[in-house]
N, C-alpha and C. Protein backbone atom coordinates (compact mmCIF):
# COMPACT_ATOMS: atom_id res chain seq x y z
N MET A 1 20.44 30.91 -28.48
CA MET A 1 21.25 32.13 -28.55
C MET A 1 22.01 32.36 -27.24
N LEU A 2 21.32 32.16 -26.12
CA LEU A 2 21.96 32.35 -24.82
C LEU A 2 23.09 31.34 -24.63
N ILE A 3 22.82 30.09 -24.99
CA ILE A 3 23.83 29.05 -24.85
C ILE A 3 25.05 29.37 -25.70
N GLU A 4 24.81 29.80 -26.92
CA GLU A 4 25.91 30.14 -27.81
C GLU A 4 26.75 31.28 -27.25
N GLY A 5 26.07 32.27 -26.67
CA GLY A 5 26.78 33.40 -26.08
C GLY A 5 27.64 32.99 -24.91
N LEU A 6 27.12 32.11 -24.05
CA LEU A 6 27.88 31.64 -22.89
C LEU A 6 29.07 30.79 -23.31
N LEU A 7 28.85 29.93 -24.29
CA LEU A 7 29.95 29.10 -24.79
C LEU A 7 31.05 29.95 -25.40
N ALA A 8 30.66 31.04 -26.05
CA ALA A 8 31.64 31.94 -26.65
C ALA A 8 32.50 32.62 -25.59
N GLN A 9 31.97 32.72 -24.36
CA GLN A 9 32.71 33.32 -23.26
C GLN A 9 33.42 32.27 -22.41
N ASN A 10 33.50 31.05 -22.95
CA ASN A 10 34.20 29.93 -22.29
C ASN A 10 33.52 29.45 -21.01
N PHE A 11 32.20 29.60 -20.94
CA PHE A 11 31.43 29.03 -19.84
C PHE A 11 31.00 27.61 -20.20
N GLU A 12 31.04 26.72 -19.22
CA GLU A 12 30.48 25.38 -19.44
C GLU A 12 28.97 25.47 -19.29
N VAL A 13 28.24 24.91 -20.21
CA VAL A 13 26.79 25.01 -20.22
C VAL A 13 26.16 23.62 -20.15
N VAL A 14 25.20 23.46 -19.25
CA VAL A 14 24.42 22.23 -19.15
C VAL A 14 22.95 22.62 -19.30
N GLN A 15 22.31 22.10 -20.31
CA GLN A 15 20.91 22.42 -20.56
C GLN A 15 20.00 21.36 -19.94
N ALA A 16 19.06 21.81 -19.10
CA ALA A 16 18.13 20.89 -18.45
C ALA A 16 17.10 20.40 -19.45
N VAL A 17 16.92 19.08 -19.49
CA VAL A 17 15.95 18.50 -20.42
C VAL A 17 14.55 18.53 -19.83
N GLU A 18 14.43 18.19 -18.53
CA GLU A 18 13.12 18.15 -17.89
C GLU A 18 13.02 19.13 -16.73
N ASN A 19 13.79 18.88 -15.67
CA ASN A 19 13.68 19.68 -14.46
C ASN A 19 15.00 20.38 -14.17
N ALA A 20 14.98 21.69 -14.16
CA ALA A 20 16.21 22.46 -13.98
C ALA A 20 16.79 22.29 -12.58
N ASP A 21 15.93 22.27 -11.56
CA ASP A 21 16.41 22.18 -10.18
C ASP A 21 17.20 20.90 -9.94
N SER A 22 16.64 19.77 -10.36
CA SER A 22 17.33 18.50 -10.14
C SER A 22 18.62 18.42 -10.96
N THR A 23 18.62 19.04 -12.14
CA THR A 23 19.83 19.08 -12.97
C THR A 23 20.93 19.88 -12.28
N ILE A 24 20.56 21.00 -11.69
CA ILE A 24 21.52 21.85 -10.98
C ILE A 24 22.14 21.10 -9.81
N ILE A 25 21.28 20.47 -8.99
CA ILE A 25 21.78 19.75 -7.82
C ILE A 25 22.69 18.59 -8.22
N SER A 26 22.30 17.85 -9.25
CA SER A 26 23.12 16.73 -9.72
C SER A 26 24.49 17.21 -10.18
N LYS A 27 24.51 18.33 -10.89
CA LYS A 27 25.77 18.89 -11.38
C LYS A 27 26.64 19.38 -10.23
N VAL A 28 26.01 19.98 -9.23
CA VAL A 28 26.74 20.47 -8.06
C VAL A 28 27.42 19.31 -7.32
N PHE A 29 26.68 18.22 -7.11
CA PHE A 29 27.25 17.06 -6.44
C PHE A 29 28.38 16.45 -7.26
N GLN A 30 28.21 16.44 -8.57
CA GLN A 30 29.24 15.90 -9.47
C GLN A 30 30.52 16.72 -9.36
N LEU A 31 30.38 18.04 -9.36
CA LEU A 31 31.55 18.91 -9.24
C LEU A 31 32.27 18.71 -7.91
N GLY A 32 31.49 18.57 -6.84
CA GLY A 32 32.07 18.36 -5.52
C GLY A 32 32.83 17.05 -5.44
N TRP A 33 32.27 16.00 -6.04
CA TRP A 33 32.92 14.69 -6.03
C TRP A 33 34.20 14.70 -6.86
N GLN A 34 34.17 15.37 -8.00
CA GLN A 34 35.33 15.40 -8.89
C GLN A 34 36.47 16.25 -8.31
N SER A 35 36.13 17.36 -7.69
CA SER A 35 37.15 18.29 -7.20
C SER A 35 37.61 17.97 -5.78
N GLY A 36 36.74 17.35 -4.99
CA GLY A 36 37.07 17.06 -3.61
C GLY A 36 37.11 18.30 -2.73
N THR A 37 36.55 19.39 -3.22
CA THR A 37 36.53 20.65 -2.47
C THR A 37 35.09 21.12 -2.27
N SER A 38 34.95 22.20 -1.54
CA SER A 38 33.63 22.77 -1.31
C SER A 38 33.08 23.37 -2.60
N VAL A 39 31.76 23.31 -2.75
CA VAL A 39 31.10 23.88 -3.93
C VAL A 39 30.02 24.84 -3.46
N ILE A 40 30.05 26.05 -3.99
CA ILE A 40 29.03 27.05 -3.69
C ILE A 40 28.26 27.34 -4.97
N PHE A 41 26.94 27.24 -4.90
CA PHE A 41 26.13 27.57 -6.08
C PHE A 41 25.09 28.61 -5.70
N PHE A 42 24.67 29.35 -6.69
CA PHE A 42 23.79 30.50 -6.50
C PHE A 42 22.37 30.15 -6.95
N GLY A 43 21.39 30.54 -6.16
CA GLY A 43 20.01 30.28 -6.55
C GLY A 43 19.01 31.00 -5.67
N LYS A 44 17.86 31.32 -6.24
CA LYS A 44 16.79 31.98 -5.49
C LYS A 44 15.66 31.03 -5.10
N ASP A 45 15.56 29.91 -5.80
CA ASP A 45 14.44 28.99 -5.64
C ASP A 45 14.62 28.13 -4.40
N VAL A 46 13.63 28.11 -3.51
CA VAL A 46 13.72 27.31 -2.30
C VAL A 46 13.72 25.82 -2.62
N ASP A 47 13.21 25.44 -3.79
CA ASP A 47 13.26 24.03 -4.19
C ASP A 47 14.69 23.51 -4.24
N LEU A 48 15.63 24.38 -4.60
CA LEU A 48 17.04 23.99 -4.63
C LEU A 48 17.52 23.60 -3.23
N LEU A 49 17.10 24.36 -2.24
CA LEU A 49 17.48 24.06 -0.86
C LEU A 49 16.85 22.76 -0.39
N ILE A 50 15.59 22.53 -0.79
CA ILE A 50 14.91 21.29 -0.42
C ILE A 50 15.64 20.08 -1.00
N LEU A 51 15.97 20.16 -2.28
CA LEU A 51 16.68 19.06 -2.93
C LEU A 51 18.07 18.85 -2.34
N LEU A 52 18.75 19.95 -2.05
CA LEU A 52 20.08 19.87 -1.45
C LEU A 52 20.01 19.19 -0.09
N THR A 53 19.03 19.56 0.71
CA THR A 53 18.87 18.99 2.05
C THR A 53 18.55 17.51 2.00
N ALA A 54 17.68 17.13 1.06
CA ALA A 54 17.23 15.74 0.98
C ALA A 54 18.29 14.80 0.39
N ALA A 55 19.06 15.31 -0.55
CA ALA A 55 19.94 14.42 -1.32
C ALA A 55 21.41 14.48 -0.94
N ALA A 56 21.83 15.50 -0.22
CA ALA A 56 23.25 15.66 0.08
C ALA A 56 23.74 14.60 1.05
N PRO A 57 24.94 14.05 0.84
CA PRO A 57 25.52 13.10 1.79
C PRO A 57 25.86 13.80 3.10
N VAL A 58 26.06 13.01 4.15
CA VAL A 58 26.30 13.56 5.49
C VAL A 58 27.52 14.47 5.51
N SER A 59 28.54 14.12 4.75
CA SER A 59 29.80 14.88 4.76
C SER A 59 29.85 15.96 3.67
N SER A 60 28.70 16.34 3.15
CA SER A 60 28.65 17.28 2.04
C SER A 60 29.26 18.63 2.39
N LYS A 61 30.03 19.17 1.43
CA LYS A 61 30.59 20.52 1.57
C LYS A 61 29.99 21.41 0.48
N THR A 62 28.69 21.29 0.31
CA THR A 62 27.97 22.04 -0.71
C THR A 62 27.13 23.11 -0.05
N TYR A 63 27.15 24.31 -0.62
CA TYR A 63 26.45 25.43 -0.02
C TYR A 63 25.63 26.17 -1.07
N LEU A 64 24.45 26.59 -0.66
CA LEU A 64 23.59 27.41 -1.52
C LEU A 64 23.72 28.86 -1.10
N LEU A 65 24.06 29.74 -2.04
CA LEU A 65 24.10 31.17 -1.79
C LEU A 65 22.81 31.78 -2.30
N LYS A 66 21.98 32.23 -1.37
CA LYS A 66 20.68 32.81 -1.73
C LYS A 66 20.76 34.33 -1.57
N PRO A 67 20.49 35.09 -2.63
CA PRO A 67 20.60 36.54 -2.56
C PRO A 67 19.54 37.15 -1.64
N GLY A 68 19.94 38.18 -0.92
CA GLY A 68 19.00 38.86 -0.06
C GLY A 68 18.14 39.86 -0.82
N LYS A 69 17.11 40.35 -0.15
CA LYS A 69 16.22 41.34 -0.74
C LYS A 69 16.18 42.57 0.16
N GLY A 70 16.31 43.73 -0.46
CA GLY A 70 16.28 44.96 0.32
C GLY A 70 17.43 45.02 1.31
N LYS A 71 17.10 45.17 2.61
CA LYS A 71 18.12 45.24 3.64
C LYS A 71 18.60 43.87 4.10
N GLN A 72 17.96 42.83 3.62
CA GLN A 72 18.35 41.49 4.01
C GLN A 72 19.63 41.07 3.28
N ALA A 73 20.59 40.60 4.03
CA ALA A 73 21.88 40.22 3.45
C ALA A 73 21.79 38.88 2.73
N ASN A 74 22.78 38.63 1.87
CA ASN A 74 22.87 37.32 1.24
C ASN A 74 23.06 36.25 2.31
N MET A 75 22.54 35.06 2.06
CA MET A 75 22.61 33.99 3.04
C MET A 75 23.21 32.73 2.43
N PHE A 76 24.04 32.05 3.22
CA PHE A 76 24.58 30.75 2.83
C PHE A 76 23.79 29.67 3.56
N TYR A 77 23.40 28.64 2.82
CA TYR A 77 22.68 27.52 3.42
C TYR A 77 23.45 26.24 3.19
N SER A 78 23.49 25.41 4.21
CA SER A 78 24.18 24.12 4.12
C SER A 78 23.24 23.01 4.58
N PRO A 79 23.27 21.85 3.92
CA PRO A 79 22.43 20.73 4.38
C PRO A 79 22.81 20.26 5.77
N LEU A 80 24.03 20.57 6.20
CA LEU A 80 24.48 20.19 7.53
C LEU A 80 23.80 21.02 8.61
N GLY A 81 23.18 22.13 8.20
CA GLY A 81 22.50 22.99 9.16
C GLY A 81 21.04 22.64 9.37
N PHE A 82 20.58 21.54 8.78
CA PHE A 82 19.19 21.12 8.92
C PHE A 82 18.96 20.64 10.36
N LYS A 83 18.06 21.28 11.09
CA LYS A 83 17.93 21.05 12.53
C LYS A 83 16.82 20.08 12.91
N TYR A 84 16.07 19.61 11.92
CA TYR A 84 14.97 18.70 12.23
C TYR A 84 15.47 17.25 12.30
N PRO A 85 14.67 16.35 12.93
CA PRO A 85 15.09 14.94 13.05
C PRO A 85 15.32 14.29 11.69
N ASP A 86 16.06 13.19 11.69
CA ASP A 86 16.37 12.49 10.44
C ASP A 86 15.12 12.02 9.72
N LYS A 87 14.07 11.64 10.46
CA LYS A 87 12.86 11.15 9.82
C LYS A 87 12.16 12.25 9.03
N VAL A 88 12.35 13.50 9.45
CA VAL A 88 11.79 14.62 8.69
C VAL A 88 12.62 14.83 7.43
N LYS A 89 13.93 14.78 7.57
CA LYS A 89 14.81 14.93 6.40
C LYS A 89 14.55 13.83 5.38
N LYS A 90 14.34 12.60 5.87
CA LYS A 90 14.11 11.46 4.98
C LYS A 90 12.84 11.64 4.16
N ASN A 91 11.86 12.32 4.75
CA ASN A 91 10.57 12.48 4.08
C ASN A 91 10.36 13.90 3.55
N VAL A 92 11.44 14.64 3.39
CA VAL A 92 11.31 16.04 2.97
C VAL A 92 10.68 16.16 1.59
N PHE A 93 10.84 15.15 0.74
CA PHE A 93 10.23 15.17 -0.59
C PHE A 93 8.71 15.22 -0.50
N ILE A 94 8.14 14.34 0.30
CA ILE A 94 6.68 14.29 0.37
C ILE A 94 6.12 15.53 1.05
N PHE A 95 6.83 16.06 2.04
CA PHE A 95 6.36 17.28 2.68
C PHE A 95 6.35 18.45 1.69
N THR A 96 7.37 18.50 0.86
CA THR A 96 7.45 19.56 -0.14
C THR A 96 6.35 19.42 -1.18
N CYS A 97 6.11 18.20 -1.63
CA CYS A 97 5.09 17.98 -2.67
C CYS A 97 3.72 18.42 -2.22
N PHE A 98 3.36 18.08 -1.00
CA PHE A 98 2.00 18.33 -0.56
C PHE A 98 1.82 19.67 0.15
N SER A 99 2.83 20.13 0.88
CA SER A 99 2.66 21.41 1.56
C SER A 99 3.00 22.57 0.66
N GLY A 100 3.88 22.34 -0.32
CA GLY A 100 4.24 23.39 -1.27
C GLY A 100 5.24 24.36 -0.69
N CYS A 101 6.01 24.96 -1.56
CA CYS A 101 6.96 25.99 -1.15
C CYS A 101 6.34 27.37 -1.28
N ASN A 102 5.19 27.44 -1.95
CA ASN A 102 4.52 28.72 -2.12
C ASN A 102 3.03 28.47 -2.30
N SER A 103 2.26 29.52 -2.52
CA SER A 103 0.81 29.38 -2.62
C SER A 103 0.37 28.58 -3.83
N THR A 104 1.23 28.47 -4.83
CA THR A 104 0.86 27.72 -6.03
C THR A 104 0.64 26.25 -5.72
N LEU A 105 1.42 25.71 -4.78
CA LEU A 105 1.36 24.29 -4.51
C LEU A 105 0.78 23.94 -3.14
N THR A 106 0.28 24.93 -2.42
CA THR A 106 -0.22 24.67 -1.09
C THR A 106 -1.56 23.95 -1.13
N MET A 107 -1.72 22.91 -0.30
CA MET A 107 -2.98 22.21 -0.22
C MET A 107 -4.00 23.04 0.56
N PHE A 108 -5.26 22.73 0.35
CA PHE A 108 -6.36 23.53 0.88
C PHE A 108 -6.34 23.63 2.41
N ARG A 109 -6.04 24.83 2.92
CA ARG A 109 -6.14 25.17 4.34
C ARG A 109 -5.41 24.20 5.27
N GLU A 110 -4.27 23.73 4.85
CA GLU A 110 -3.48 22.85 5.71
C GLU A 110 -2.08 23.43 5.84
N GLY A 111 -1.63 23.62 7.09
CA GLY A 111 -0.31 24.18 7.33
C GLY A 111 0.79 23.14 7.19
N LYS A 112 2.01 23.62 7.07
CA LYS A 112 3.15 22.73 6.85
C LYS A 112 3.40 21.81 8.03
N LEU A 113 3.13 22.27 9.26
CA LEU A 113 3.41 21.46 10.44
C LEU A 113 2.57 20.19 10.44
N LYS A 114 1.33 20.28 9.95
CA LYS A 114 0.47 19.10 9.92
C LYS A 114 1.02 18.03 8.99
N PHE A 115 1.70 18.45 7.93
CA PHE A 115 2.29 17.49 7.00
C PHE A 115 3.43 16.72 7.68
N VAL A 116 4.13 17.37 8.58
CA VAL A 116 5.22 16.72 9.30
C VAL A 116 4.67 15.74 10.33
N LYS A 117 3.57 16.12 10.98
CA LYS A 117 3.03 15.31 12.07
C LYS A 117 2.17 14.14 11.60
N THR A 118 1.63 14.23 10.38
CA THR A 118 0.74 13.17 9.90
C THR A 118 1.39 11.79 9.88
N PRO A 119 2.60 11.62 9.32
CA PRO A 119 3.23 10.29 9.36
C PRO A 119 3.53 9.81 10.78
N GLU A 120 3.74 10.74 11.71
CA GLU A 120 3.99 10.35 13.09
C GLU A 120 2.72 9.79 13.73
N LYS A 121 1.58 10.31 13.31
CA LYS A 121 0.30 9.90 13.89
C LYS A 121 -0.16 8.57 13.34
N TYR A 122 0.11 8.32 12.05
CA TYR A 122 -0.35 7.09 11.41
C TYR A 122 0.85 6.23 11.04
N ILE A 123 1.02 5.14 11.78
CA ILE A 123 2.20 4.29 11.61
C ILE A 123 2.29 3.71 10.21
N HIS A 124 1.13 3.40 9.61
CA HIS A 124 1.15 2.78 8.28
C HIS A 124 1.76 3.70 7.23
N LEU A 125 1.76 5.01 7.50
CA LEU A 125 2.31 5.97 6.54
C LEU A 125 3.83 6.05 6.61
N GLN A 126 4.39 5.73 7.75
CA GLN A 126 5.84 5.88 7.93
C GLN A 126 6.62 5.03 6.94
N GLU A 127 6.12 3.84 6.64
CA GLU A 127 6.76 2.99 5.66
C GLU A 127 6.32 3.37 4.25
N ALA A 128 5.04 3.73 4.11
CA ALA A 128 4.50 4.04 2.77
C ALA A 128 5.20 5.21 2.12
N VAL A 129 5.50 6.26 2.89
CA VAL A 129 6.06 7.47 2.30
C VAL A 129 7.51 7.30 1.87
N THR A 130 8.13 6.17 2.21
CA THR A 130 9.50 5.94 1.74
C THR A 130 9.55 5.83 0.23
N ILE A 131 8.40 5.59 -0.41
CA ILE A 131 8.35 5.51 -1.87
C ILE A 131 8.80 6.81 -2.50
N PHE A 132 8.66 7.93 -1.77
CA PHE A 132 9.03 9.23 -2.31
C PHE A 132 10.54 9.45 -2.32
N SER A 133 11.29 8.52 -1.74
CA SER A 133 12.74 8.61 -1.77
C SER A 133 13.36 7.65 -2.78
N LYS A 134 12.51 6.88 -3.46
CA LYS A 134 13.00 5.89 -4.42
C LYS A 134 13.02 6.48 -5.82
N THR A 135 14.17 6.48 -6.44
CA THR A 135 14.30 7.06 -7.77
C THR A 135 13.61 6.23 -8.84
N ASP A 136 13.34 4.95 -8.55
CA ASP A 136 12.69 4.10 -9.54
C ASP A 136 11.20 3.91 -9.27
N ALA A 137 10.63 4.76 -8.42
CA ALA A 137 9.21 4.66 -8.10
C ALA A 137 8.35 4.93 -9.33
N THR A 138 7.30 4.13 -9.51
CA THR A 138 6.39 4.33 -10.64
C THR A 138 5.32 5.35 -10.27
N GLN A 139 4.65 5.88 -11.28
CA GLN A 139 3.58 6.84 -11.03
C GLN A 139 2.44 6.20 -10.25
N ASN A 140 2.15 4.93 -10.51
CA ASN A 140 1.09 4.25 -9.77
C ASN A 140 1.43 4.12 -8.29
N GLU A 141 2.70 3.80 -8.00
CA GLU A 141 3.13 3.69 -6.61
C GLU A 141 3.06 5.04 -5.91
N VAL A 142 3.54 6.07 -6.60
CA VAL A 142 3.50 7.42 -6.04
C VAL A 142 2.05 7.86 -5.84
N GLY A 143 1.20 7.58 -6.82
CA GLY A 143 -0.20 7.98 -6.73
C GLY A 143 -0.92 7.32 -5.58
N ARG A 144 -0.68 6.03 -5.39
CA ARG A 144 -1.35 5.30 -4.31
C ARG A 144 -0.89 5.82 -2.95
N THR A 145 0.41 6.06 -2.81
CA THR A 145 0.92 6.61 -1.56
C THR A 145 0.36 8.00 -1.31
N GLY A 146 0.24 8.78 -2.38
CA GLY A 146 -0.34 10.11 -2.25
C GLY A 146 -1.76 10.04 -1.73
N GLN A 147 -2.54 9.07 -2.21
CA GLN A 147 -3.91 8.89 -1.73
C GLN A 147 -3.92 8.58 -0.24
N GLN A 148 -3.05 7.69 0.18
CA GLN A 148 -3.00 7.33 1.59
C GLN A 148 -2.67 8.54 2.45
N PHE A 149 -1.72 9.34 1.98
CA PHE A 149 -1.30 10.50 2.75
C PHE A 149 -2.42 11.53 2.85
N ILE A 150 -3.06 11.83 1.72
CA ILE A 150 -4.13 12.82 1.71
C ILE A 150 -5.32 12.34 2.52
N ALA A 151 -5.60 11.03 2.47
CA ALA A 151 -6.71 10.47 3.25
C ALA A 151 -6.48 10.71 4.73
N ALA A 152 -5.27 10.45 5.19
CA ALA A 152 -4.95 10.66 6.60
C ALA A 152 -4.94 12.14 6.95
N LEU A 153 -4.46 12.95 6.03
CA LEU A 153 -4.35 14.39 6.28
C LEU A 153 -5.72 15.03 6.49
N TYR A 154 -6.69 14.67 5.63
CA TYR A 154 -7.99 15.33 5.65
C TYR A 154 -9.04 14.61 6.49
N SER A 155 -9.09 13.28 6.39
CA SER A 155 -10.22 12.59 7.02
C SER A 155 -9.82 11.55 8.05
N GLY A 156 -8.53 11.31 8.17
CA GLY A 156 -8.09 10.34 9.16
C GLY A 156 -8.28 8.91 8.72
N CYS A 157 -8.52 8.67 7.42
CA CYS A 157 -8.69 7.30 6.93
C CYS A 157 -7.38 6.54 7.08
N LYS A 158 -7.48 5.25 7.33
CA LYS A 158 -6.28 4.43 7.49
C LYS A 158 -6.02 3.56 6.28
N ASP A 159 -6.74 3.80 5.20
CA ASP A 159 -6.48 3.04 3.98
C ASP A 159 -6.31 4.01 2.84
N ASP A 160 -6.39 3.52 1.61
CA ASP A 160 -6.13 4.38 0.46
C ASP A 160 -7.39 4.98 -0.12
N LYS A 161 -8.47 5.05 0.68
CA LYS A 161 -9.70 5.67 0.23
C LYS A 161 -9.84 7.03 0.90
N LEU A 162 -10.02 8.06 0.12
CA LEU A 162 -10.20 9.39 0.70
C LEU A 162 -11.52 9.45 1.43
N VAL A 163 -12.57 9.00 0.80
CA VAL A 163 -13.86 8.76 1.42
C VAL A 163 -14.42 7.52 0.74
N THR A 164 -15.59 7.08 1.14
CA THR A 164 -16.08 5.79 0.66
C THR A 164 -16.30 5.73 -0.83
N ASN A 165 -16.55 6.87 -1.48
CA ASN A 165 -16.84 6.83 -2.92
C ASN A 165 -15.68 7.34 -3.76
N CYS A 166 -14.46 7.28 -3.21
CA CYS A 166 -13.30 7.79 -3.94
C CYS A 166 -12.66 6.70 -4.77
N ALA A 167 -12.48 6.96 -6.05
CA ALA A 167 -11.84 6.00 -6.94
C ALA A 167 -10.33 6.13 -6.83
N PRO A 168 -9.57 5.08 -7.16
CA PRO A 168 -8.11 5.18 -7.16
C PRO A 168 -7.64 6.32 -8.06
N ILE A 169 -6.55 6.94 -7.70
CA ILE A 169 -6.09 8.12 -8.42
C ILE A 169 -5.68 7.81 -9.84
N ASP A 170 -5.27 6.54 -10.09
CA ASP A 170 -4.80 6.21 -11.42
C ASP A 170 -5.91 5.60 -12.28
N ASP A 171 -7.14 5.65 -11.81
CA ASP A 171 -8.27 5.10 -12.57
C ASP A 171 -8.97 6.23 -13.29
N GLU A 172 -8.61 6.46 -14.56
CA GLU A 172 -9.16 7.57 -15.32
C GLU A 172 -10.63 7.37 -15.66
N SER A 173 -11.15 6.13 -15.53
CA SER A 173 -12.55 5.89 -15.86
C SER A 173 -13.49 6.42 -14.79
N GLU A 174 -12.96 6.68 -13.62
CA GLU A 174 -13.78 7.21 -12.53
C GLU A 174 -13.54 8.71 -12.41
N ALA A 175 -14.61 9.49 -12.39
CA ALA A 175 -14.46 10.95 -12.37
C ALA A 175 -14.72 11.56 -11.02
N ILE A 176 -15.21 10.77 -10.06
CA ILE A 176 -15.62 11.36 -8.79
C ILE A 176 -14.51 11.28 -7.76
N LEU A 177 -14.21 12.40 -7.18
CA LEU A 177 -13.29 12.43 -6.05
C LEU A 177 -13.89 13.37 -5.03
N ALA A 178 -14.11 12.89 -3.83
CA ALA A 178 -14.68 13.76 -2.80
C ALA A 178 -13.74 13.79 -1.61
N ILE A 179 -13.44 14.98 -1.13
CA ILE A 179 -12.66 15.14 0.08
C ILE A 179 -13.50 15.93 1.06
N GLN A 180 -13.77 15.34 2.21
CA GLN A 180 -14.66 15.97 3.17
C GLN A 180 -13.85 16.90 4.07
N LYS A 181 -14.34 18.11 4.17
CA LYS A 181 -13.64 19.11 4.97
C LYS A 181 -14.69 20.01 5.62
N GLY A 182 -14.83 19.92 6.92
CA GLY A 182 -15.81 20.74 7.61
C GLY A 182 -17.23 20.46 7.18
N GLY A 183 -17.51 19.21 6.84
CA GLY A 183 -18.86 18.85 6.44
C GLY A 183 -19.18 19.14 5.00
N GLU A 184 -18.22 19.68 4.23
CA GLU A 184 -18.46 20.00 2.84
C GLU A 184 -17.74 19.00 1.95
N VAL A 185 -18.36 18.68 0.83
CA VAL A 185 -17.77 17.73 -0.10
C VAL A 185 -17.73 18.36 -1.48
N VAL A 186 -16.59 18.24 -2.14
CA VAL A 186 -16.46 18.74 -3.51
C VAL A 186 -16.22 17.56 -4.42
N GLU A 187 -17.03 17.41 -5.44
CA GLU A 187 -16.85 16.36 -6.41
C GLU A 187 -16.21 16.93 -7.66
N GLU A 188 -15.59 16.07 -8.43
CA GLU A 188 -14.79 16.50 -9.58
C GLU A 188 -15.58 17.36 -10.55
N GLU A 189 -16.76 16.90 -10.96
CA GLU A 189 -17.53 17.61 -11.98
C GLU A 189 -17.96 18.98 -11.48
N GLU A 190 -18.39 19.03 -10.21
CA GLU A 190 -18.83 20.30 -9.63
C GLU A 190 -17.68 21.27 -9.50
N ALA A 191 -16.53 20.77 -9.04
CA ALA A 191 -15.38 21.64 -8.83
C ALA A 191 -14.83 22.19 -10.12
N ASP A 192 -14.79 21.36 -11.16
CA ASP A 192 -14.20 21.79 -12.42
C ASP A 192 -14.98 22.90 -13.08
N GLU A 193 -16.26 23.05 -12.74
CA GLU A 193 -17.06 24.12 -13.31
C GLU A 193 -16.65 25.48 -12.74
N LYS A 194 -16.05 25.46 -11.55
CA LYS A 194 -15.76 26.70 -10.85
C LYS A 194 -14.28 27.05 -10.80
N VAL A 195 -13.43 26.02 -10.70
CA VAL A 195 -12.00 26.28 -10.52
C VAL A 195 -11.17 25.37 -11.39
N SER A 196 -9.92 25.73 -11.55
CA SER A 196 -8.95 24.86 -12.21
C SER A 196 -7.71 24.85 -11.34
N CYS A 197 -6.71 24.10 -11.73
CA CYS A 197 -5.49 24.03 -10.93
C CYS A 197 -4.58 25.21 -11.24
N LYS A 198 -5.04 26.39 -10.96
CA LYS A 198 -4.25 27.59 -11.15
C LYS A 198 -4.14 28.29 -9.80
N PRO A 199 -3.09 29.07 -9.57
CA PRO A 199 -2.88 29.73 -8.29
C PRO A 199 -4.06 30.62 -7.93
N PRO A 200 -4.39 30.84 -6.62
CA PRO A 200 -3.74 30.13 -5.53
C PRO A 200 -4.50 28.87 -5.15
N LEU A 201 -3.86 27.73 -5.20
CA LEU A 201 -4.52 26.47 -4.88
C LEU A 201 -4.89 26.38 -3.40
N LYS A 202 -4.27 27.19 -2.56
CA LYS A 202 -4.57 27.11 -1.13
C LYS A 202 -6.01 27.51 -0.84
N ASN A 203 -6.67 28.18 -1.79
CA ASN A 203 -8.05 28.59 -1.60
C ASN A 203 -9.03 27.68 -2.31
N ILE A 204 -8.53 26.59 -2.88
CA ILE A 204 -9.38 25.70 -3.67
C ILE A 204 -9.47 24.35 -2.98
N LYS A 205 -10.71 23.84 -2.83
CA LYS A 205 -10.86 22.50 -2.30
C LYS A 205 -10.28 21.51 -3.30
N PRO A 206 -9.50 20.55 -2.84
CA PRO A 206 -8.86 19.61 -3.76
C PRO A 206 -9.87 18.76 -4.52
N ASN A 207 -9.77 18.76 -5.85
CA ASN A 207 -10.53 17.81 -6.64
C ASN A 207 -9.52 16.84 -7.25
N GLN A 208 -9.95 15.92 -8.08
CA GLN A 208 -9.03 14.89 -8.57
C GLN A 208 -7.90 15.49 -9.39
N THR A 209 -8.21 16.53 -10.19
CA THR A 209 -7.18 17.16 -11.01
C THR A 209 -6.10 17.78 -10.14
N CYS A 210 -6.52 18.52 -9.12
CA CYS A 210 -5.57 19.20 -8.24
C CYS A 210 -4.77 18.20 -7.41
N LEU A 211 -5.46 17.15 -6.95
CA LEU A 211 -4.77 16.15 -6.15
C LEU A 211 -3.67 15.47 -6.96
N LYS A 212 -3.98 15.11 -8.20
CA LYS A 212 -2.98 14.46 -9.04
C LYS A 212 -1.81 15.40 -9.31
N LYS A 213 -2.09 16.70 -9.42
CA LYS A 213 -1.02 17.68 -9.64
C LYS A 213 -0.05 17.66 -8.47
N HIS A 214 -0.59 17.62 -7.24
CA HIS A 214 0.27 17.60 -6.07
C HIS A 214 1.05 16.30 -5.96
N VAL A 215 0.37 15.19 -6.18
CA VAL A 215 1.04 13.90 -6.06
C VAL A 215 2.13 13.75 -7.10
N MET A 216 1.84 14.11 -8.34
CA MET A 216 2.81 13.93 -9.41
C MET A 216 3.91 14.98 -9.39
N GLU A 217 3.77 16.01 -8.56
CA GLU A 217 4.84 17.00 -8.43
C GLU A 217 6.13 16.31 -8.00
N PHE A 218 5.98 15.23 -7.24
CA PHE A 218 7.16 14.48 -6.81
C PHE A 218 7.97 13.98 -7.99
N SER A 219 7.30 13.58 -9.05
CA SER A 219 7.98 13.03 -10.21
C SER A 219 8.94 14.04 -10.83
N PHE A 220 8.65 15.34 -10.61
CA PHE A 220 9.49 16.38 -11.20
C PHE A 220 10.61 16.79 -10.25
N VAL A 221 10.36 16.77 -8.93
CA VAL A 221 11.40 17.21 -8.01
C VAL A 221 12.38 16.12 -7.66
N LYS A 222 11.96 14.85 -7.79
CA LYS A 222 12.90 13.80 -7.39
C LYS A 222 14.02 13.67 -8.41
């Protein structure tokens, strides 16, 4: 009904099949390329800014208009205004997936700055996380890289094992996942009795279900 109403008013309508944010960004880039002029699009979701920053070409003339709240004025954002090093921009997908833009996607008691510093600390991750920039990455590749990242984030492991008894993320036959944090360990069966992957995840120790949710979030934002 909404689509029909917009079409009746001579609006061009594009319906997102899977992910609305990526569809919006793709359409914005397409319009900019076809017109050769600046493109301004409106949005409230910070995911739009993340995608714009990560995917926009260096010479992009694309701007996000984010409405203000209360006394806060409307703001224009440009990918050219990104002030962090190129290596942070290159890995912005993985930082978004694991640190989250809000409490729904935040990992257990870990701040955003640690997600930025983790690849700097572990050299083996600097190459591994490039998988998050590949549009043809498989779920197994993303899952394995996610394990490596989370292992380094929580326990300092240098391989793809979170702890010694952790099964690969894509092995559904194994139900045990333990992440050690402050001397405490949560296993899948124990955790599932008490919590599920519902907000706020920042207060929940990661179990296999929650970890897979964070890792696979990349599949939707890329």
